Amino acid sequence: KRRQLQYIGRLMREEEHPEAISDAVETLREREEGGTLLARQIEAQREALVSAAPGERPALCARFGIPPQSTKEVEDLAARAANEREYRRPPHAFRALFRLLREIGQQGQD
């Protein structure tokens, strides 16, 4: 990444109108930061769901804005992920829960 930015800096010094390049770089940075923030929010939701007692999960799903048709699948994956954590198994359901939450979030944005 450092070398790429150095190369872009060199291009900007050679360019007559470097504003377009700097605007494009700034747009990429903003997009990257937005993706990181979204991933952290999804991780926090996943952790809350996995750590919660089974009876608390429906309320958490509602609070996180998970549609009712997806609630059962989210609850099942959260229970499996909690089981994996308890018995120190590979985190298959934990990862699947992250993917599902990300997918639900993307559907909500569309």
N, C-alpha and C. Protein backbone atom coordinates (compact mmCIF):
# COMPACT_ATOMS: atom_id res chain seq x y z
N LYS A 1 0.83 -1.18 0.00
CA LYS A 1 0.00 0.00 0.00
C LYS A 1 0.88 1.25 0.00
N ARG A 2 1.97 1.21 0.75
CA ARG A 2 2.86 2.37 0.82
C ARG A 2 3.44 2.68 -0.55
N ARG A 3 3.87 1.64 -1.24
CA ARG A 3 4.45 1.84 -2.58
C ARG A 3 3.41 2.39 -3.56
N GLN A 4 2.20 1.91 -3.43
CA GLN A 4 1.14 2.40 -4.31
C GLN A 4 0.91 3.89 -4.09
N LEU A 5 0.89 4.31 -2.82
CA LEU A 5 0.70 5.73 -2.53
C LEU A 5 1.88 6.56 -3.01
N GLN A 6 3.09 6.02 -2.91
CA GLN A 6 4.26 6.73 -3.42
C GLN A 6 4.16 6.90 -4.94
N TYR A 7 3.71 5.86 -5.61
CA TYR A 7 3.54 5.93 -7.06
C TYR A 7 2.49 6.97 -7.43
N ILE A 8 1.40 6.98 -6.70
CA ILE A 8 0.35 7.98 -6.96
C ILE A 8 0.89 9.38 -6.72
N GLY A 9 1.70 9.55 -5.68
CA GLY A 9 2.32 10.85 -5.42
C GLY A 9 3.20 11.29 -6.58
N ARG A 10 3.96 10.36 -7.13
CA ARG A 10 4.80 10.69 -8.27
C ARG A 10 3.96 11.09 -9.48
N LEU A 11 2.88 10.35 -9.71
CA LEU A 11 1.98 10.70 -10.81
C LEU A 11 1.38 12.09 -10.61
N MET A 12 1.05 12.41 -9.38
CA MET A 12 0.45 13.72 -9.11
C MET A 12 1.44 14.85 -9.35
N ARG A 13 2.71 14.61 -9.04
CA ARG A 13 3.73 15.64 -9.28
C ARG A 13 3.93 15.87 -10.77
N GLU A 14 3.77 14.81 -11.57
CA GLU A 14 3.96 14.93 -13.02
C GLU A 14 2.71 15.46 -13.72
N GLU A 15 1.57 15.37 -13.08
CA GLU A 15 0.29 15.74 -13.69
C GLU A 15 0.07 17.25 -13.57
N GLU A 16 -0.54 17.84 -14.60
CA GLU A 16 -0.85 19.26 -14.57
C GLU A 16 -2.02 19.56 -13.63
N HIS A 17 -3.00 18.66 -13.59
CA HIS A 17 -4.18 18.84 -12.75
C HIS A 17 -4.31 17.64 -11.80
N PRO A 18 -3.60 17.65 -10.68
CA PRO A 18 -3.60 16.49 -9.78
C PRO A 18 -4.87 16.37 -8.93
N GLU A 19 -5.79 17.32 -9.04
CA GLU A 19 -6.99 17.28 -8.20
C GLU A 19 -7.82 16.02 -8.46
N ALA A 20 -7.90 15.62 -9.72
CA ALA A 20 -8.70 14.44 -10.06
C ALA A 20 -8.14 13.19 -9.40
N ILE A 21 -6.82 13.08 -9.38
CA ILE A 21 -6.18 11.91 -8.76
C ILE A 21 -6.41 11.94 -7.25
N SER A 22 -6.23 13.11 -6.63
CA SER A 22 -6.41 13.19 -5.18
C SER A 22 -7.87 12.94 -4.79
N ASP A 23 -8.81 13.39 -5.62
CA ASP A 23 -10.23 13.12 -5.35
C ASP A 23 -10.52 11.62 -5.43
N ALA A 24 -9.94 10.95 -6.41
CA ALA A 24 -10.16 9.51 -6.56
C ALA A 24 -9.56 8.74 -5.37
N VAL A 25 -8.38 9.14 -4.93
CA VAL A 25 -7.74 8.49 -3.77
C VAL A 25 -8.59 8.71 -2.53
N GLU A 26 -9.10 9.91 -2.35
CA GLU A 26 -9.94 10.21 -1.18
C GLU A 26 -11.23 9.39 -1.21
N THR A 27 -11.82 9.23 -2.37
CA THR A 27 -13.02 8.41 -2.50
C THR A 27 -12.74 6.96 -2.11
N LEU A 28 -11.60 6.43 -2.55
CA LEU A 28 -11.23 5.06 -2.18
C LEU A 28 -11.02 4.93 -0.68
N ARG A 29 -10.39 5.92 -0.06
CA ARG A 29 -10.18 5.88 1.39
C ARG A 29 -11.50 5.88 2.15
N GLU A 30 -12.41 6.74 1.72
CA GLU A 30 -13.71 6.81 2.39
C GLU A 30 -14.46 5.49 2.26
N ARG A 31 -14.41 4.89 1.09
CA ARG A 31 -15.09 3.61 0.88
C ARG A 31 -14.48 2.53 1.77
N GLU A 32 -13.15 2.53 1.88
CA GLU A 32 -12.46 1.54 2.71
C GLU A 32 -12.82 1.71 4.18
N GLU A 33 -12.85 2.97 4.65
CA GLU A 33 -13.19 3.23 6.04
C GLU A 33 -14.64 2.84 6.34
N GLY A 34 -15.53 3.09 5.39
CA GLY A 34 -16.93 2.70 5.56
C GLY A 34 -17.09 1.20 5.67
N GLY A 35 -16.34 0.45 4.88
CA GLY A 35 -16.39 -1.01 4.94
C GLY A 35 -15.87 -1.54 6.26
N THR A 36 -14.83 -0.91 6.78
CA THR A 36 -14.26 -1.33 8.06
C THR A 36 -15.25 -1.07 9.18
N LEU A 37 -15.89 0.09 9.15
CA LEU A 37 -16.87 0.43 10.17
C LEU A 37 -18.04 -0.55 10.14
N LEU A 38 -18.52 -0.87 8.95
CA LEU A 38 -19.62 -1.82 8.82
C LEU A 38 -19.23 -3.19 9.35
N ALA A 39 -18.03 -3.64 9.04
CA ALA A 39 -17.57 -4.95 9.53
C ALA A 39 -17.50 -4.97 11.05
N ARG A 40 -17.06 -3.89 11.65
CA ARG A 40 -17.00 -3.82 13.12
C ARG A 40 -18.40 -3.86 13.74
N GLN A 41 -19.35 -3.19 13.10
CA GLN A 41 -20.73 -3.22 13.60
C GLN A 41 -21.29 -4.63 13.51
N ILE A 42 -21.03 -5.30 12.41
CA ILE A 42 -21.52 -6.68 12.25
C ILE A 42 -20.87 -7.59 13.27
N GLU A 43 -19.58 -7.41 13.53
CA GLU A 43 -18.88 -8.22 14.53
C GLU A 43 -19.49 -8.00 15.91
N ALA A 44 -19.84 -6.76 16.24
CA ALA A 44 -20.45 -6.47 17.54
C ALA A 44 -21.82 -7.13 17.66
N GLN A 45 -22.60 -7.09 16.59
CA GLN A 45 -23.91 -7.75 16.59
C GLN A 45 -23.75 -9.26 16.76
N ARG A 46 -22.81 -9.82 16.02
CA ARG A 46 -22.57 -11.26 16.09
C ARG A 46 -22.17 -11.65 17.51
N GLU A 47 -21.27 -10.90 18.11
CA GLU A 47 -20.80 -11.22 19.46
C GLU A 47 -21.95 -11.13 20.46
N ALA A 48 -22.80 -10.12 20.31
CA ALA A 48 -23.95 -9.99 21.22
C ALA A 48 -24.89 -11.17 21.07
N LEU A 49 -25.14 -11.59 19.84
CA LEU A 49 -26.04 -12.72 19.61
C LEU A 49 -25.47 -14.03 20.15
N VAL A 50 -24.18 -14.25 19.96
CA VAL A 50 -23.56 -15.50 20.42
C VAL A 50 -23.48 -15.53 21.94
N SER A 51 -23.21 -14.39 22.56
CA SER A 51 -23.06 -14.34 24.02
C SER A 51 -24.39 -14.33 24.75
N ALA A 52 -25.47 -13.97 24.07
CA ALA A 52 -26.78 -13.85 24.71
C ALA A 52 -27.36 -15.21 25.05
N ALA A 53 -28.22 -15.20 26.05
CA ALA A 53 -28.97 -16.41 26.39
C ALA A 53 -29.98 -16.68 25.27
N PRO A 54 -30.34 -17.94 25.07
CA PRO A 54 -31.27 -18.26 23.97
C PRO A 54 -32.58 -17.47 24.01
N GLY A 55 -33.09 -17.16 25.18
CA GLY A 55 -34.33 -16.41 25.28
C GLY A 55 -34.19 -14.95 24.91
N GLU A 56 -32.98 -14.43 24.95
CA GLU A 56 -32.74 -13.01 24.64
C GLU A 56 -32.51 -12.77 23.15
N ARG A 57 -32.23 -13.80 22.39
CA ARG A 57 -31.87 -13.63 20.98
C ARG A 57 -32.98 -13.03 20.11
N PRO A 58 -34.26 -13.41 20.29
CA PRO A 58 -35.30 -12.78 19.45
C PRO A 58 -35.36 -11.26 19.65
N ALA A 59 -35.22 -10.81 20.90
CA ALA A 59 -35.25 -9.37 21.17
C ALA A 59 -34.05 -8.68 20.53
N LEU A 60 -32.88 -9.32 20.58
CA LEU A 60 -31.70 -8.75 19.94
C LEU A 60 -31.88 -8.67 18.43
N CYS A 61 -32.46 -9.71 17.85
CA CYS A 61 -32.71 -9.69 16.40
C CYS A 61 -33.61 -8.52 16.03
N ALA A 62 -34.65 -8.30 16.82
CA ALA A 62 -35.55 -7.18 16.55
C ALA A 62 -34.82 -5.85 16.71
N ARG A 63 -33.99 -5.75 17.74
CA ARG A 63 -33.25 -4.50 17.97
C ARG A 63 -32.25 -4.22 16.86
N PHE A 64 -31.67 -5.26 16.29
CA PHE A 64 -30.70 -5.08 15.21
C PHE A 64 -31.37 -4.91 13.85
N GLY A 65 -32.70 -5.00 13.81
CA GLY A 65 -33.41 -4.80 12.55
C GLY A 65 -33.37 -5.99 11.62
N ILE A 66 -33.23 -7.17 12.18
CA ILE A 66 -33.20 -8.39 11.37
C ILE A 66 -34.65 -8.74 11.01
N PRO A 67 -34.95 -8.94 9.74
CA PRO A 67 -36.33 -9.24 9.34
C PRO A 67 -36.85 -10.52 9.99
N PRO A 68 -38.14 -10.57 10.28
CA PRO A 68 -38.71 -11.75 10.95
C PRO A 68 -38.46 -13.07 10.22
N GLN A 69 -38.43 -13.04 8.90
CA GLN A 69 -38.21 -14.29 8.16
C GLN A 69 -36.78 -14.81 8.32
N SER A 70 -35.84 -13.97 8.75
CA SER A 70 -34.45 -14.40 8.93
C SER A 70 -34.10 -14.67 10.39
N THR A 71 -35.00 -14.32 11.30
CA THR A 71 -34.71 -14.42 12.73
C THR A 71 -34.38 -15.85 13.15
N LYS A 72 -35.15 -16.81 12.68
CA LYS A 72 -34.92 -18.21 13.08
C LYS A 72 -33.54 -18.70 12.64
N GLU A 73 -33.16 -18.37 11.42
CA GLU A 73 -31.85 -18.78 10.92
C GLU A 73 -30.72 -18.13 11.72
N VAL A 74 -30.89 -16.85 12.04
CA VAL A 74 -29.88 -16.14 12.84
C VAL A 74 -29.77 -16.76 14.22
N GLU A 75 -30.91 -17.05 14.84
CA GLU A 75 -30.90 -17.67 16.17
C GLU A 75 -30.22 -19.04 16.14
N ASP A 76 -30.52 -19.83 15.12
CA ASP A 76 -29.90 -21.16 15.01
C ASP A 76 -28.38 -21.06 14.85
N LEU A 77 -27.93 -20.16 13.99
CA LEU A 77 -26.49 -20.00 13.80
C LEU A 77 -25.82 -19.47 15.07
N ALA A 78 -26.49 -18.57 15.78
CA ALA A 78 -25.93 -18.04 17.03
C ALA A 78 -25.80 -19.15 18.07
N ALA A 79 -26.80 -20.02 18.15
CA ALA A 79 -26.74 -21.14 19.09
C ALA A 79 -25.61 -22.10 18.72
N ARG A 80 -25.48 -22.40 17.43
CA ARG A 80 -24.40 -23.28 16.99
C ARG A 80 -23.03 -22.65 17.25
N ALA A 81 -22.93 -21.33 17.03
CA ALA A 81 -21.66 -20.64 17.27
C ALA A 81 -21.31 -20.65 18.76
N ALA A 82 -22.32 -20.48 19.61
CA ALA A 82 -22.07 -20.54 21.06
C ALA A 82 -21.61 -21.94 21.45
N ASN A 83 -22.20 -22.95 20.85
CA ASN A 83 -21.80 -24.33 21.11
C ASN A 83 -20.36 -24.56 20.65
N GLU A 84 -20.03 -24.07 19.47
CA GLU A 84 -18.65 -24.20 18.97
C GLU A 84 -17.66 -23.54 19.92
N ARG A 85 -18.02 -22.38 20.41
CA ARG A 85 -17.13 -21.66 21.33
C ARG A 85 -16.96 -22.44 22.63
N GLU A 86 -18.07 -22.95 23.14
CA GLU A 86 -18.03 -23.67 24.42
C GLU A 86 -17.16 -24.91 24.33
N TYR A 87 -17.25 -25.64 23.22
CA TYR A 87 -16.50 -26.88 23.07
C TYR A 87 -15.21 -26.71 22.27
N ARG A 88 -14.84 -25.47 22.02
CA ARG A 88 -13.59 -25.12 21.32
C ARG A 88 -13.46 -25.85 19.98
N ARG A 89 -14.51 -25.76 19.20
CA ARG A 89 -14.52 -26.35 17.87
C ARG A 89 -14.19 -25.27 16.85
N PRO A 90 -13.88 -25.65 15.63
CA PRO A 90 -13.64 -24.65 14.58
C PRO A 90 -14.88 -23.77 14.38
N PRO A 91 -14.70 -22.48 14.14
CA PRO A 91 -15.82 -21.53 14.13
C PRO A 91 -16.60 -21.47 12.81
N HIS A 92 -17.12 -22.57 12.34
CA HIS A 92 -17.87 -22.57 11.08
C HIS A 92 -19.16 -21.75 11.19
N ALA A 93 -19.96 -22.02 12.21
CA ALA A 93 -21.22 -21.29 12.37
C ALA A 93 -20.96 -19.83 12.72
N PHE A 94 -19.90 -19.57 13.45
CA PHE A 94 -19.52 -18.20 13.81
C PHE A 94 -19.28 -17.38 12.55
N ARG A 95 -18.57 -17.95 11.60
CA ARG A 95 -18.29 -17.26 10.33
C ARG A 95 -19.55 -17.17 9.47
N ALA A 96 -20.34 -18.23 9.47
CA ALA A 96 -21.58 -18.22 8.69
C ALA A 96 -22.54 -17.15 9.22
N LEU A 97 -22.55 -16.96 10.53
CA LEU A 97 -23.40 -15.92 11.12
C LEU A 97 -22.95 -14.54 10.66
N PHE A 98 -21.65 -14.31 10.60
CA PHE A 98 -21.14 -13.02 10.10
C PHE A 98 -21.60 -12.80 8.66
N ARG A 99 -21.45 -13.82 7.82
CA ARG A 99 -21.85 -13.68 6.41
C ARG A 99 -23.34 -13.40 6.29
N LEU A 100 -24.14 -14.09 7.09
CA LEU A 100 -25.59 -13.89 7.04
C LEU A 100 -25.95 -12.48 7.49
N LEU A 101 -25.35 -12.00 8.57
CA LEU A 101 -25.64 -10.65 9.05
C LEU A 101 -25.22 -9.60 8.02
N ARG A 102 -24.10 -9.82 7.36
CA ARG A 102 -23.65 -8.89 6.32
C ARG A 102 -24.63 -8.89 5.15
N GLU A 103 -25.08 -10.07 4.77
CA GLU A 103 -26.04 -10.19 3.66
C GLU A 103 -27.37 -9.50 4.01
N ILE A 104 -27.84 -9.69 5.23
CA ILE A 104 -29.09 -9.05 5.66
C ILE A 104 -28.92 -7.53 5.65
N GLY A 105 -27.76 -7.06 6.11
CA GLY A 105 -27.49 -5.62 6.10
C GLY A 105 -27.47 -5.06 4.69
N GLN A 106 -26.90 -5.79 3.76
CA GLN A 106 -26.84 -5.32 2.37
C GLN A 106 -28.23 -5.31 1.75
N GLN A 107 -29.06 -6.28 2.08
CA GLN A 107 -30.43 -6.31 1.56
C GLN A 107 -31.23 -5.14 2.12
N GLY A 108 -30.96 -4.78 3.37
CA GLY A 108 -31.65 -3.65 3.98
C GLY A 108 -31.28 -2.32 3.35
N GLN A 109 -30.06 -2.23 2.80
CA GLN A 109 -29.61 -0.99 2.17
C GLN A 109 -30.18 -0.83 0.77
N ASP A 110 -30.51 -1.95 0.13
CA ASP A 110 -31.02 -1.89 -1.26
C ASP A 110 -32.42 -1.40 -1.34
